[in-house]
Amino acid sequence: MAIIIYLLLQTPKRLLCNRLRIPAPITSLLLILALFSLVGAVGAAVSVPASGWIAKAPESLPTLQEKLGFLRRPLGYVEQGMQKMQQLLETQGGTAERRPQAEAQTSAAPPSTSAGIGSVGLTVLSGTRAVVGNLFMFVVMLFFLLSSGESLLRRLVEVMPRFRDKRRLVEISEKIEQNISGYLLTITIMNTLVGIAVGLATWACGLPDPLLWGTAAFLLNYIPILGPFCGVVVFFFVGLFTYQTWWNAFIPAGLYLLIHVLEGETITPMLLARRFTLNPVLVILSLFFWDYVWGVIGALLAVPLLTILKIVCDEVPSLQALGHVIGNTPKRDDATGAART
């Protein structure tokens, strides 16, 4: 996350350092403070309506069941089939092995209330400690990347034996940084526009808390395929909670899907000139892998990490075959017109 944010902040950092002559450490602190102020302001604005929807969800379940009554019969058939399958498995496995375990569980003394409260407190404390520790590492890493990242490249150039190797290393690093920062900046701007469009669409539909739904659309748009699918499901259920009839619930979900199709299939590919057409199979594998490793943050970072790998492979001659496997890179038009053929 620190490396990706560092690449996103390279353009404003150089603007402040080169144009305004602000020292790199002070520029790094200013950018980090601006980043956390923006995230904190949006989080504070979104946390109150999000907690309200979470608290209101259990009370809305009866209304939801009533509006989805036409699905009760098929869902009942599925439930009966699952129960019969479970009974069949229990019959084949036998219940004799479970009796000693059940007797041991019933004979054991139930845990006290104080012990339960203590275990919950320890869990919350350990989770808070982990979050604070990760946040501290992120801030420290981002600060030193912004303030001293270029000095590391300078040292690598100095240790190269030949001038040709030095020039090649500088050219590759500049191309990689320019392409990656341009890609991430384009995706972030487009996701922001998608969030604004979804927020305006939900406001026009009469849904409460449009800022919450715009922020959700902004974050979900970083996760291809799975993110928009989850967004359609979320907006459908939000419509069920809001409108009186179930067919009106398709309006916000349909508008969200329309905005996503316009952005994902037309505008963003046109802006990127289809330079980063990734293999869908590898995109899904990357999503599942990084979600398994890092959870939700991994799912958000999966595609940027895969894109970074492709750009690096495209710029390094010995890795261009791997870059071709990761995604399709259109050939640049030559003067002879061979690329068009």
C-alpha atoms as a PDB file:
ATOM      1  CA  MET A   1       0.000   0.000   0.000  1.00  0.00           C
ATOM      2  CA  ALA A   2       2.844   2.404   0.814  1.00  0.00           C
ATOM      3  CA  ILE A   3       4.513   1.762  -2.559  1.00  0.00           C
ATOM      4  CA  ILE A   4       1.266   2.312  -4.483  1.00  0.00           C
ATOM      5  CA  ILE A   5       0.427   5.518  -2.585  1.00  0.00           C
ATOM      6  CA  TYR A   6       4.018   6.660  -3.154  1.00  0.00           C
ATOM      7  CA  LEU A   7       3.599   6.229  -6.910  1.00  0.00           C
ATOM      8  CA  LEU A   8       0.309   8.145  -6.786  1.00  0.00           C
ATOM      9  CA  LEU A   9       1.899  11.050  -4.898  1.00  0.00           C
ATOM     10  CA  GLN A  10       4.972  11.362  -7.105  1.00  0.00           C
ATOM     11  CA  THR A  11       3.449  14.085  -9.312  1.00  0.00           C
ATOM     12  CA  PRO A  12       2.367  16.456  -6.487  1.00  0.00           C
ATOM     13  CA  LYS A  13       5.612  15.734  -4.655  1.00  0.00           C
ATOM     14  CA  ARG A  14       7.753  16.842  -7.596  1.00  0.00           C
ATOM     15  CA  LEU A  15       5.516  19.866  -8.109  1.00  0.00           C
ATOM     16  CA  LEU A  16       6.096  20.985  -4.530  1.00  0.00           C
ATOM     17  CA  CYS A  17       9.804  20.159  -4.520  1.00  0.00           C
ATOM     18  CA  ASN A  18      10.831  21.409  -7.962  1.00  0.00           C
ATOM     19  CA  ARG A  19       8.445  24.324  -8.506  1.00  0.00           C
ATOM     20  CA  LEU A  20       7.982  25.651  -4.967  1.00  0.00           C
ATOM     21  CA  ARG A  21      11.434  24.589  -3.686  1.00  0.00           C
ATOM     22  CA  ILE A  22      10.019  22.920  -0.570  1.00  0.00           C
ATOM     23  CA  PRO A  23      12.424  20.397   1.023  1.00  0.00           C
ATOM     24  CA  ALA A  24      11.584  16.746   0.450  1.00  0.00           C
ATOM     25  CA  PRO A  25      10.980  15.829   4.147  1.00  0.00           C
ATOM     26  CA  ILE A  26       8.565  18.743   4.620  1.00  0.00           C
ATOM     27  CA  THR A  27       6.830  17.893   1.343  1.00  0.00           C
ATOM     28  CA  SER A  28       6.446  14.286   2.482  1.00  0.00           C
ATOM     29  CA  LEU A  29       4.890  15.368   5.774  1.00  0.00           C
ATOM     30  CA  LEU A  30       2.504  17.771   4.012  1.00  0.00           C
ATOM     31  CA  LEU A  31       1.359  15.099   1.544  1.00  0.00           C
ATOM     32  CA  ILE A  32       0.848  12.495   4.286  1.00  0.00           C
ATOM     33  CA  LEU A  33      -1.119  14.987   6.392  1.00  0.00           C
ATOM     34  CA  ALA A  34      -3.262  15.940   3.382  1.00  0.00           C
ATOM     35  CA  LEU A  35      -3.880  12.257   2.582  1.00  0.00           C
ATOM     36  CA  PHE A  36      -4.925  11.379   6.129  1.00  0.00           C
ATOM     37  CA  SER A  37      -7.053  14.520   6.412  1.00  0.00           C
ATOM     38  CA  LEU A  38      -8.946  13.573   3.251  1.00  0.00           C
ATOM     39  CA  VAL A  39      -9.423   9.952   4.338  1.00  0.00           C
ATOM     40  CA  GLY A  40     -10.414  11.046   7.846  1.00  0.00           C
ATOM     41  CA  ALA A  41     -12.944  13.578   6.580  1.00  0.00           C
ATOM     42  CA  VAL A  42     -14.594  11.061   4.238  1.00  0.00           C
ATOM     43  CA  GLY A  43     -14.513   8.356   6.928  1.00  0.00           C
ATOM     44  CA  ALA A  44     -16.109  10.661   9.493  1.00  0.00           C
ATOM     45  CA  ALA A  45     -18.822  11.670   7.041  1.00  0.00           C
ATOM     46  CA  VAL A  46     -19.541   8.053   6.065  1.00  0.00           C
ATOM     47  CA  SER A  47     -19.256   6.349   9.473  1.00  0.00           C
ATOM     48  CA  VAL A  48     -22.460   7.800  10.922  1.00  0.00           C
ATOM     49  CA  PRO A  49     -24.820   6.743   8.085  1.00  0.00           C
ATOM     50  CA  ALA A  50     -23.015   3.387   7.756  1.00  0.00           C
ATOM     51  CA  SER A  51     -23.523   2.609  11.444  1.00  0.00           C
ATOM     52  CA  GLY A  52     -27.153   3.668  11.093  1.00  0.00           C
ATOM     53  CA  TRP A  53     -27.739   1.235   8.226  1.00  0.00           C
ATOM     54  CA  ILE A  54     -25.989  -1.565  10.142  1.00  0.00           C
ATOM     55  CA  ALA A  55     -28.127  -0.931  13.225  1.00  0.00           C
ATOM     56  CA  LYS A  56     -31.296  -0.749  11.119  1.00  0.00           C
ATOM     57  CA  ALA A  57     -30.621  -3.985   9.219  1.00  0.00           C
ATOM     58  CA  PRO A  58     -32.023  -6.465  11.829  1.00  0.00           C
ATOM     59  CA  GLU A  59     -35.220  -4.455  12.191  1.00  0.00           C
ATOM     60  CA  SER A  60     -35.725  -4.439   8.409  1.00  0.00           C
ATOM     61  CA  LEU A  61     -35.470  -8.205   7.979  1.00  0.00           C
ATOM     62  CA  PRO A  62     -39.249  -8.831   8.360  1.00  0.00           C
ATOM     63  CA  THR A  63     -39.956  -6.202   5.695  1.00  0.00           C
ATOM     64  CA  LEU A  64     -37.328  -7.774   3.474  1.00  0.00           C
ATOM     65  CA  GLN A  65     -38.873 -11.224   3.887  1.00  0.00           C
ATOM     66  CA  GLU A  66     -42.291  -9.826   3.031  1.00  0.00           C
ATOM     67  CA  LYS A  67     -41.053  -8.157  -0.159  1.00  0.00           C
ATOM     68  CA  LEU A  68     -39.204 -11.301  -1.221  1.00  0.00           C
ATOM     69  CA  GLY A  69     -42.141 -13.556  -0.471  1.00  0.00           C
ATOM     70  CA  PHE A  70     -42.267 -14.793  -4.066  1.00  0.00           C
ATOM     71  CA  LEU A  71     -38.906 -16.501  -3.446  1.00  0.00           C
ATOM     72  CA  ARG A  72     -40.114 -18.297  -0.327  1.00  0.00           C
ATOM     73  CA  ARG A  73     -41.263 -21.463  -2.084  1.00  0.00           C
ATOM     74  CA  PRO A  74     -38.078 -22.125  -4.131  1.00  0.00           C
ATOM     75  CA  LEU A  75     -35.928 -21.275  -1.119  1.00  0.00           C
ATOM     76  CA  GLY A  76     -38.014 -23.693   0.948  1.00  0.00           C
ATOM     77  CA  TYR A  77     -37.302 -26.448  -1.540  1.00  0.00           C
ATOM     78  CA  VAL A  78     -33.585 -25.722  -1.329  1.00  0.00           C
ATOM     79  CA  GLU A  79     -33.705 -25.727   2.472  1.00  0.00           C
ATOM     80  CA  GLN A  80     -35.533 -29.058   2.563  1.00  0.00           C
ATOM     81  CA  GLY A  81     -32.976 -30.569   0.212  1.00  0.00           C
ATOM     82  CA  MET A  82     -30.106 -29.359   2.390  1.00  0.00           C
ATOM     83  CA  GLN A  83     -31.752 -30.797   5.506  1.00  0.00           C
ATOM     84  CA  LYS A  84     -32.267 -34.197   3.855  1.00  0.00           C
ATOM     85  CA  MET A  85     -28.657 -34.224   2.692  1.00  0.00           C
ATOM     86  CA  GLN A  86     -27.458 -33.408   6.207  1.00  0.00           C
ATOM     87  CA  GLN A  87     -29.616 -36.173   7.709  1.00  0.00           C
ATOM     88  CA  LEU A  88     -28.236 -38.635   5.168  1.00  0.00           C
ATOM     89  CA  LEU A  89     -24.655 -37.719   6.027  1.00  0.00           C
ATOM     90  CA  GLU A  90     -25.343 -38.030   9.752  1.00  0.00           C
ATOM     91  CA  THR A  91     -26.932 -41.442   9.225  1.00  0.00           C
ATOM     92  CA  GLN A  92     -23.963 -42.725   7.275  1.00  0.00           C
ATOM     93  CA  GLY A  93     -21.382 -41.293   9.647  1.00  0.00           C
ATOM     94  CA  GLY A  94     -23.186 -42.521  12.763  1.00  0.00           C
ATOM     95  CA  THR A  95     -23.988 -40.642  15.905  1.00  0.00           C
ATOM     96  CA  ALA A  96     -22.118 -42.920  18.289  1.00  0.00           C
ATOM     97  CA  GLU A  97     -18.899 -40.962  17.876  1.00  0.00           C
ATOM     98  CA  ARG A  98     -20.623 -37.696  18.741  1.00  0.00           C
ATOM     99  CA  ARG A  99     -22.135 -38.909  22.033  1.00  0.00           C
ATOM    100  CA  PRO A 100     -18.912 -38.858  24.109  1.00  0.00           C
ATOM    101  CA  GLN A 101     -18.173 -35.371  22.815  1.00  0.00           C
ATOM    102  CA  ALA A 102     -21.701 -34.194  23.617  1.00  0.00           C
ATOM    103  CA  GLU A 103     -21.517 -35.686  27.119  1.00  0.00           C
ATOM    104  CA  ALA A 104     -18.155 -34.050  27.701  1.00  0.00           C
ATOM    105  CA  GLN A 105     -19.534 -30.712  26.568  1.00  0.00           C
ATOM    106  CA  THR A 106     -22.616 -30.979  28.802  1.00  0.00           C
ATOM    107  CA  SER A 107     -20.597 -32.097  31.830  1.00  0.00           C
ATOM    108  CA  ALA A 108     -18.122 -29.252  31.452  1.00  0.00           C
ATOM    109  CA  ALA A 109     -18.902 -26.155  33.419  1.00  0.00           C
ATOM    110  CA  PRO A 110     -20.091 -23.212  31.327  1.00  0.00           C
ATOM    111  CA  PRO A 111     -17.658 -20.341  31.113  1.00  0.00           C
ATOM    112  CA  SER A 112     -18.292 -17.490  33.434  1.00  0.00           C
ATOM    113  CA  THR A 113     -19.475 -14.116  32.242  1.00  0.00           C
ATOM    114  CA  SER A 114     -16.343 -12.377  33.450  1.00  0.00           C
ATOM    115  CA  ALA A 115     -14.155 -14.795  31.500  1.00  0.00           C
ATOM    116  CA  GLY A 116     -16.186 -14.144  28.351  1.00  0.00           C
ATOM    117  CA  ILE A 117     -15.902 -10.383  28.779  1.00  0.00           C
ATOM    118  CA  GLY A 118     -12.183 -10.719  29.402  1.00  0.00           C
ATOM    119  CA  SER A 119     -11.647 -12.772  26.252  1.00  0.00           C
ATOM    120  CA  VAL A 120     -13.595 -10.235  24.184  1.00  0.00           C
ATOM    121  CA  GLY A 121     -11.542  -7.406  25.653  1.00  0.00           C
ATOM    122  CA  LEU A 122      -8.276  -9.170  24.847  1.00  0.00           C
ATOM    123  CA  THR A 123      -9.458  -9.818  21.283  1.00  0.00           C
ATOM    124  CA  VAL A 124     -10.381  -6.161  20.756  1.00  0.00           C
ATOM    125  CA  LEU A 125      -7.098  -5.010  22.328  1.00  0.00           C
ATOM    126  CA  SER A 126      -4.979  -7.305  20.154  1.00  0.00           C
ATOM    127  CA  GLY A 127      -6.890  -6.266  17.024  1.00  0.00           C
ATOM    128  CA  THR A 128      -6.447  -2.566  17.836  1.00  0.00           C
ATOM    129  CA  ARG A 129      -2.756  -3.106  18.489  1.00  0.00           C
ATOM    130  CA  ALA A 130      -2.326  -4.837  15.123  1.00  0.00           C
ATOM    131  CA  VAL A 131      -4.159  -2.051  13.268  1.00  0.00           C
ATOM    132  CA  VAL A 132      -2.114   0.670  14.970  1.00  0.00           C
ATOM    133  CA  GLY A 133       1.116  -1.211  14.283  1.00  0.00           C
ATOM    134  CA  ASN A 134       0.301  -1.677  10.596  1.00  0.00           C
ATOM    135  CA  LEU A 135      -0.736   1.968  10.289  1.00  0.00           C
ATOM    136  CA  PHE A 136       2.510   3.097  11.906  1.00  0.00           C
ATOM    137  CA  MET A 137       4.583   0.947   9.522  1.00  0.00           C
ATOM    138  CA  PHE A 138       2.598   2.293   6.563  1.00  0.00           C
ATOM    139  CA  VAL A 139       3.203   5.928   7.566  1.00  0.00           C
ATOM    140  CA  VAL A 140       6.921   5.403   8.231  1.00  0.00           C
ATOM    141  CA  MET A 141       7.443   3.513   4.963  1.00  0.00           C
ATOM    142  CA  LEU A 142       5.506   6.102   2.955  1.00  0.00           C
ATOM    143  CA  PHE A 143       7.441   8.973   4.528  1.00  0.00           C
ATOM    144  CA  PHE A 144      10.853   7.512   3.713  1.00  0.00           C
ATOM    145  CA  LEU A 145       9.771   6.517   0.211  1.00  0.00           C
ATOM    146  CA  LEU A 146       8.644  10.086  -0.494  1.00  0.00           C
ATOM    147  CA  SER A 147      11.617  11.772   1.137  1.00  0.00           C
ATOM    148  CA  SER A 148      14.454   9.398   0.165  1.00  0.00           C
ATOM    149  CA  GLY A 149      13.141   7.122  -2.578  1.00  0.00           C
ATOM    150  CA  GLU A 150      15.081   8.857  -5.357  1.00  0.00           C
ATOM    151  CA  SER A 151      18.357   8.558  -3.460  1.00  0.00           C
ATOM    152  CA  LEU A 152      18.014   4.756  -3.557  1.00  0.00           C
ATOM    153  CA  LEU A 153      17.754   4.842  -7.361  1.00  0.00           C
ATOM    154  CA  ARG A 154      20.736   7.183  -7.485  1.00  0.00           C
ATOM    155  CA  ARG A 155      22.829   4.715  -5.491  1.00  0.00           C
ATOM    156  CA  LEU A 156      21.831   1.874  -7.814  1.00  0.00           C
ATOM    157  CA  VAL A 157      22.865   3.923 -10.830  1.00  0.00           C
ATOM    158  CA  GLU A 158      26.225   4.719  -9.219  1.00  0.00           C
ATOM    159  CA  VAL A 159      27.121   1.060  -8.687  1.00  0.00           C
ATOM    160  CA  MET A 160      26.448   0.073 -12.309  1.00  0.00           C
ATOM    161  CA  PRO A 161      29.786  -0.677 -14.032  1.00  0.00           C
ATOM    162  CA  ARG A 162      29.205   0.818 -17.496  1.00  0.00           C
ATOM    163  CA  PHE A 163      27.660   4.069 -18.670  1.00  0.00           C
ATOM    164  CA  ARG A 164      25.334   2.205 -21.037  1.00  0.00           C
ATOM    165  CA  ASP A 165      23.968   0.204 -18.109  1.00  0.00           C
ATOM    166  CA  LYS A 166      23.517   3.378 -16.071  1.00  0.00           C
ATOM    167  CA  ARG A 167      21.522   5.042 -18.862  1.00  0.00           C
ATOM    168  CA  ARG A 168      19.456   1.899 -19.440  1.00  0.00           C
ATOM    169  CA  LEU A 169      18.592   1.657 -15.741  1.00  0.00           C
ATOM    170  CA  VAL A 170      17.511   5.311 -15.618  1.00  0.00           C
ATOM    171  CA  GLU A 171      15.371   4.930 -18.750  1.00  0.00           C
ATOM    172  CA  ILE A 172      13.664   1.779 -17.458  1.00  0.00           C
ATOM    173  CA  SER A 173      12.981   3.290 -14.030  1.00  0.00           C
ATOM    174  CA  GLU A 174      11.541   6.476 -15.555  1.00  0.00           C
ATOM    175  CA  LYS A 175       9.280   4.528 -17.930  1.00  0.00           C
ATOM    176  CA  ILE A 176       8.070   2.202 -15.193  1.00  0.00           C
ATOM    177  CA  GLU A 177       7.364   5.052 -12.779  1.00  0.00           C
ATOM    178  CA  GLN A 178       5.650   7.160 -15.443  1.00  0.00           C
ATOM    179  CA  ASN A 179       3.449   4.315 -16.683  1.00  0.00           C
ATOM    180  CA  ILE A 180       2.508   3.041 -13.238  1.00  0.00           C
ATOM    181  CA  SER A 181       1.777   6.481 -11.782  1.00  0.00           C
ATOM    182  CA  GLY A 182      -0.210   7.424 -14.898  1.00  0.00           C
ATOM    183  CA  TYR A 183      -2.240   4.231 -14.734  1.00  0.00           C
ATOM    184  CA  LEU A 184      -2.974   4.523 -11.004  1.00  0.00           C
ATOM    185  CA  LEU A 185      -3.818   8.215 -11.303  1.00  0.00           C
ATOM    186  CA  THR A 186      -6.186   7.539 -14.228  1.00  0.00           C
ATOM    187  CA  ILE A 187      -7.925   4.702 -12.389  1.00  0.00           C
ATOM    188  CA  THR A 188      -8.261   6.778  -9.211  1.00  0.00           C
ATOM    189  CA  ILE A 189      -9.734   9.745 -11.110  1.00  0.00           C
ATOM    190  CA  MET A 190     -12.193   7.482 -12.941  1.00  0.00           C
ATOM    191  CA  ASN A 191     -13.215   5.749  -9.712  1.00  0.00           C
ATOM    192  CA  THR A 192     -13.762   9.154  -8.120  1.00  0.00           C
ATOM    193  CA  LEU A 193     -15.982  10.194 -11.032  1.00  0.00           C
ATOM    194  CA  VAL A 194     -17.871   6.897 -10.730  1.00  0.00           C
ATOM    195  CA  GLY A 195     -18.397   7.557  -7.013  1.00  0.00           C
ATOM    196  CA  ILE A 196     -19.695  11.067  -7.733  1.00  0.00           C
ATOM    197  CA  ALA A 197     -22.010   9.790 -10.490  1.00  0.00           C
ATOM    198  CA  VAL A 198     -23.375   7.000  -8.273  1.00  0.00           C
ATOM    199  CA  GLY A 199     -23.878   9.451  -5.405  1.00  0.00           C
ATOM    200  CA  LEU A 200     -25.843  11.813  -7.661  1.00  0.00           C
ATOM    201  CA  ALA A 201     -27.849   8.907  -9.100  1.00  0.00           C
ATOM    202  CA  THR A 202     -28.805   7.615  -5.648  1.00  0.00           C
ATOM    203  CA  TRP A 203     -29.714  11.143  -4.583  1.00  0.00           C
ATOM    204  CA  ALA A 204     -31.934  11.502  -7.662  1.00  0.00           C
ATOM    205  CA  CYS A 205     -33.575   8.145  -6.850  1.00  0.00           C
ATOM    206  CA  GLY A 206     -34.406   9.305  -3.355  1.00  0.00           C
ATOM    207  CA  LEU A 207     -32.037   6.980  -1.514  1.00  0.00           C
ATOM    208  CA  PRO A 208     -30.770   8.369   1.793  1.00  0.00           C
ATOM    209  CA  ASP A 209     -27.044   8.965   2.437  1.00  0.00           C
ATOM    210  CA  PRO A 210     -25.789   9.379  -1.153  1.00  0.00           C
ATOM    211  CA  LEU A 211     -22.270  10.116   0.130  1.00  0.00           C
ATOM    212  CA  LEU A 212     -22.133   6.621   1.635  1.00  0.00           C
ATOM    213  CA  TRP A 213     -23.145   4.925  -1.609  1.00  0.00           C
ATOM    214  CA  GLY A 214     -20.787   7.067  -3.679  1.00  0.00           C
ATOM    215  CA  THR A 215     -17.884   6.112  -1.405  1.00  0.00           C
ATOM    216  CA  ALA A 216     -18.865   2.443  -1.616  1.00  0.00           C
ATOM    217  CA  ALA A 217     -18.947   2.632  -5.427  1.00  0.00           C
ATOM    218  CA  PHE A 218     -15.529   4.339  -5.426  1.00  0.00           C
ATOM    219  CA  LEU A 219     -13.959   1.530  -3.377  1.00  0.00           C
ATOM    220  CA  LEU A 220     -15.742  -1.325  -5.152  1.00  0.00           C
ATOM    221  CA  ASN A 221     -14.591  -0.055  -8.542  1.00  0.00           C
ATOM    222  CA  TYR A 222     -10.995  -0.935  -7.609  1.00  0.00           C
ATOM    223  CA  ILE A 223     -12.023  -4.625  -7.559  1.00  0.00           C
ATOM    224  CA  PRO A 224     -12.857  -5.768 -11.110  1.00  0.00           C
ATOM    225  CA  ILE A 225     -15.682  -8.230 -11.782  1.00  0.00           C
ATOM    226  CA  LEU A 226     -16.355  -9.068  -8.124  1.00  0.00           C
ATOM    227  CA  GLY A 227     -16.600  -5.438  -7.006  1.00  0.00           C
ATOM    228  CA  PRO A 228     -19.338  -4.376  -9.451  1.00  0.00           C
ATOM    229  CA  PHE A 229     -21.210  -7.629  -8.805  1.00  0.00           C
ATOM    230  CA  CYS A 230     -21.215  -6.951  -5.058  1.00  0.00           C
ATOM    231  CA  GLY A 231     -22.254  -3.342  -5.797  1.00  0.00           C
ATOM    232  CA  VAL A 232     -25.302  -4.459  -7.801  1.00  0.00           C
ATOM    233  CA  VAL A 233     -26.365  -6.788  -4.964  1.00  0.00           C
ATOM    234  CA  VAL A 234     -25.844  -4.078  -2.322  1.00  0.00           C
ATOM    235  CA  PHE A 235     -27.806  -1.434  -4.235  1.00  0.00           C
ATOM    236  CA  PHE A 236     -30.612  -3.913  -4.892  1.00  0.00           C
ATOM    237  CA  PHE A 237     -31.038  -4.634  -1.179  1.00  0.00           C
ATOM    238  CA  VAL A 238     -30.759  -0.936  -0.337  1.00  0.00           C
ATOM    239  CA  GLY A 239     -33.593  -0.349  -2.801  1.00  0.00           C
ATOM    240  CA  LEU A 240     -35.622  -3.084  -1.097  1.00  0.00           C
ATOM    241  CA  PHE A 241     -35.146  -1.390   2.262  1.00  0.00           C
ATOM    242  CA  THR A 242     -36.071   2.020   0.828  1.00  0.00           C
ATOM    243  CA  TYR A 243     -38.932   1.508  -1.646  1.00  0.00           C
ATOM    244  CA  GLN A 244     -42.352   0.041  -0.997  1.00  0.00           C
ATOM    245  CA  THR A 245     -42.414  -2.375  -3.948  1.00  0.00           C
ATOM    246  CA  TRP A 246     -39.690  -4.874  -4.795  1.00  0.00           C
ATOM    247  CA  TRP A 247     -39.503  -4.035  -8.525  1.00  0.00           C
ATOM    248  CA  ASN A 248     -38.476  -0.448  -7.729  1.00  0.00           C
ATOM    249  CA  ALA A 249     -35.396  -1.885  -6.036  1.00  0.00           C
ATOM    250  CA  PHE A 250     -33.957  -2.584  -9.479  1.00  0.00           C
ATOM    251  CA  ILE A 251     -33.727   1.168 -10.237  1.00  0.00           C
ATOM    252  CA  PRO A 252     -30.604   2.028  -8.132  1.00  0.00           C
ATOM    253  CA  ALA A 253     -28.975  -1.303  -9.009  1.00  0.00           C
ATOM    254  CA  GLY A 254     -29.651  -0.714 -12.717  1.00  0.00           C
ATOM    255  CA  LEU A 255     -28.290   2.841 -12.593  1.00  0.00           C
ATOM    256  CA  TYR A 256     -25.156   1.633 -10.812  1.00  0.00           C
ATOM    257  CA  LEU A 257     -24.679  -1.102 -13.424  1.00  0.00           C
ATOM    258  CA  LEU A 258     -25.203   1.385 -16.267  1.00  0.00           C
ATOM    259  CA  ILE A 259     -22.600   3.786 -14.829  1.00  0.00           C
ATOM    260  CA  HIS A 260     -20.140   0.935 -14.364  1.00  0.00           C
ATOM    261  CA  VAL A 261     -20.633  -0.333 -17.937  1.00  0.00           C
ATOM    262  CA  LEU A 262     -20.122   3.156 -19.380  1.00  0.00           C
ATOM    263  CA  GLU A 263     -16.972   3.663 -17.355  1.00  0.00           C
ATOM    264  CA  GLY A 264     -15.478   0.173 -17.483  1.00  0.00           C
ATOM    265  CA  GLU A 265     -16.249  -0.690 -21.098  1.00  0.00           C
ATOM    266  CA  THR A 266     -15.957   2.683 -22.833  1.00  0.00           C
ATOM    267  CA  ILE A 267     -14.305   5.587 -21.038  1.00  0.00           C
ATOM    268  CA  THR A 268     -11.468   3.948 -19.079  1.00  0.00           C
ATOM    269  CA  PRO A 269     -10.281   1.678 -21.954  1.00  0.00           C
ATOM    270  CA  MET A 270     -10.295   4.714 -24.244  1.00  0.00           C
ATOM    271  CA  LEU A 271      -8.203   6.752 -21.786  1.00  0.00           C
ATOM    272  CA  LEU A 272      -5.736   3.943 -21.231  1.00  0.00           C
ATOM    273  CA  ALA A 273      -5.660   3.200 -24.986  1.00  0.00           C
ATOM    274  CA  ARG A 274      -6.000  -0.489 -24.046  1.00  0.00           C
ATOM    275  CA  ARG A 275      -2.357  -0.602 -23.024  1.00  0.00           C
ATOM    276  CA  PHE A 276      -3.132  -2.610 -19.906  1.00  0.00           C
ATOM    277  CA  THR A 277      -5.553  -5.284 -21.042  1.00  0.00           C
ATOM    278  CA  LEU A 278      -5.022  -7.917 -18.351  1.00  0.00           C
ATOM    279  CA  ASN A 279      -5.862 -11.595 -18.662  1.00  0.00           C
ATOM    280  CA  PRO A 280      -9.216 -12.137 -16.873  1.00  0.00           C
ATOM    281  CA  VAL A 281      -8.101 -15.516 -15.515  1.00  0.00           C
ATOM    282  CA  LEU A 282      -5.016 -13.980 -13.922  1.00  0.00           C
ATOM    283  CA  VAL A 283      -7.123 -11.097 -12.590  1.00  0.00           C
ATOM    284  CA  ILE A 284      -9.425 -13.534 -10.765  1.00  0.00           C
ATOM    285  CA  LEU A 285      -6.482 -15.594  -9.489  1.00  0.00           C
ATOM    286  CA  SER A 286      -4.799 -12.408  -8.269  1.00  0.00           C
ATOM    287  CA  LEU A 287      -7.989 -11.324  -6.499  1.00  0.00           C
ATOM    288  CA  PHE A 288      -8.378 -14.655  -4.705  1.00  0.00           C
ATOM    289  CA  PHE A 289      -4.681 -14.894  -3.809  1.00  0.00           C
ATOM    290  CA  TRP A 290      -4.262 -11.404  -2.365  1.00  0.00           C
ATOM    291  CA  ASP A 291      -7.648 -11.614  -0.633  1.00  0.00           C
ATOM    292  CA  TYR A 292      -6.426 -14.818   1.052  1.00  0.00           C
ATOM    293  CA  VAL A 293      -3.137 -13.155   2.035  1.00  0.00           C
ATOM    294  CA  TRP A 294      -4.312  -9.666   3.087  1.00  0.00           C
ATOM    295  CA  GLY A 295      -8.111  -9.756   3.178  1.00  0.00           C
ATOM    296  CA  VAL A 296     -10.081  -6.769   1.874  1.00  0.00           C
ATOM    297  CA  ILE A 297      -6.959  -4.635   1.459  1.00  0.00           C
ATOM    298  CA  GLY A 298      -5.449  -7.405  -0.657  1.00  0.00           C
ATOM    299  CA  ALA A 299      -8.530  -7.459  -2.890  1.00  0.00           C
ATOM    300  CA  LEU A 300      -8.216  -3.692  -3.400  1.00  0.00           C
ATOM    301  CA  LEU A 301      -4.508  -3.981  -4.235  1.00  0.00           C
ATOM    302  CA  ALA A 302      -4.723  -7.103  -6.414  1.00  0.00           C
ATOM    303  CA  VAL A 303      -5.200  -5.427  -9.803  1.00  0.00           C
ATOM    304  CA  PRO A 304      -2.741  -2.535  -9.185  1.00  0.00           C
ATOM    305  CA  LEU A 305      -0.095  -5.084  -8.150  1.00  0.00           C
ATOM    306  CA  LEU A 306      -0.774  -7.203 -11.234  1.00  0.00           C
ATOM    307  CA  THR A 307      -0.610  -4.086 -13.423  1.00  0.00           C
ATOM    308  CA  ILE A 308       2.696  -3.054 -11.851  1.00  0.00           C
ATOM    309  CA  LEU A 309       4.094  -6.521 -12.593  1.00  0.00           C
ATOM    310  CA  LYS A 310       2.967  -6.289 -16.231  1.00  0.00           C
ATOM    311  CA  ILE A 311       4.469  -2.828 -16.735  1.00  0.00           C
ATOM    312  CA  VAL A 312       7.787  -3.945 -15.238  1.00  0.00           C
ATOM    313  CA  CYS A 313       7.811  -7.041 -17.455  1.00  0.00           C
ATOM    314  CA  ASP A 314       7.036  -4.968 -20.567  1.00  0.00           C
ATOM    315  CA  GLU A 315       9.957  -2.623 -19.896  1.00  0.00           C
ATOM    316  CA  VAL A 316      12.529  -5.355 -19.109  1.00  0.00           C
ATOM    317  CA  PRO A 317      13.473  -7.273 -22.302  1.00  0.00           C
ATOM    318  CA  SER A 318      14.110 -10.573 -20.532  1.00  0.00           C
ATOM    319  CA  LEU A 319      10.635 -10.489 -18.925  1.00  0.00           C
ATOM    320  CA  GLN A 320       8.550  -9.418 -21.933  1.00  0.00           C
ATOM    321  CA  ALA A 321       7.293 -12.987 -22.491  1.00  0.00           C
ATOM    322  CA  LEU A 322       5.847 -13.017 -18.960  1.00  0.00           C
ATOM    323  CA  GLY A 323       4.278  -9.594 -19.602  1.00  0.00           C
ATOM    324  CA  HIS A 324       2.613 -10.963 -22.740  1.00  0.00           C
ATOM    325  CA  VAL A 325       1.132 -13.824 -20.689  1.00  0.00           C
ATOM    326  CA  ILE A 326      -0.203 -11.414 -18.062  1.00  0.00           C
ATOM    327  CA  GLY A 327      -1.954  -9.211 -20.616  1.00  0.00           C
ATOM    328  CA  ASN A 328      -2.085  -7.959 -24.166  1.00  0.00           C
ATOM    329  CA  THR A 329       0.015  -4.922 -25.076  1.00  0.00           C
ATOM    330  CA  PRO A 330      -0.803  -3.484 -28.526  1.00  0.00           C
ATOM    331  CA  LYS A 331       2.199  -2.843 -30.703  1.00  0.00           C
ATOM    332  CA  ARG A 332       3.116   0.742 -31.405  1.00  0.00           C
ATOM    333  CA  ASP A 333       2.617   1.935 -34.954  1.00  0.00           C
ATOM    334  CA  ASP A 334       5.886   2.100 -36.860  1.00  0.00           C
ATOM    335  CA  ALA A 335       6.639   4.368 -39.766  1.00  0.00           C
ATOM    336  CA  THR A 336       6.366   1.432 -42.143  1.00  0.00           C
ATOM    337  CA  GLY A 337       2.910   0.560 -40.882  1.00  0.00           C
ATOM    338  CA  ALA A 338       3.925  -3.008 -39.998  1.00  0.00           C
ATOM    339  CA  ALA A 339       2.212  -2.829 -36.620  1.00  0.00           C
ATOM    340  CA  ARG A 340      -1.157  -2.284 -38.301  1.00  0.00           C
ATOM    341  CA  THR A 341      -0.806  -5.521 -40.249  1.00  0.00           C
END
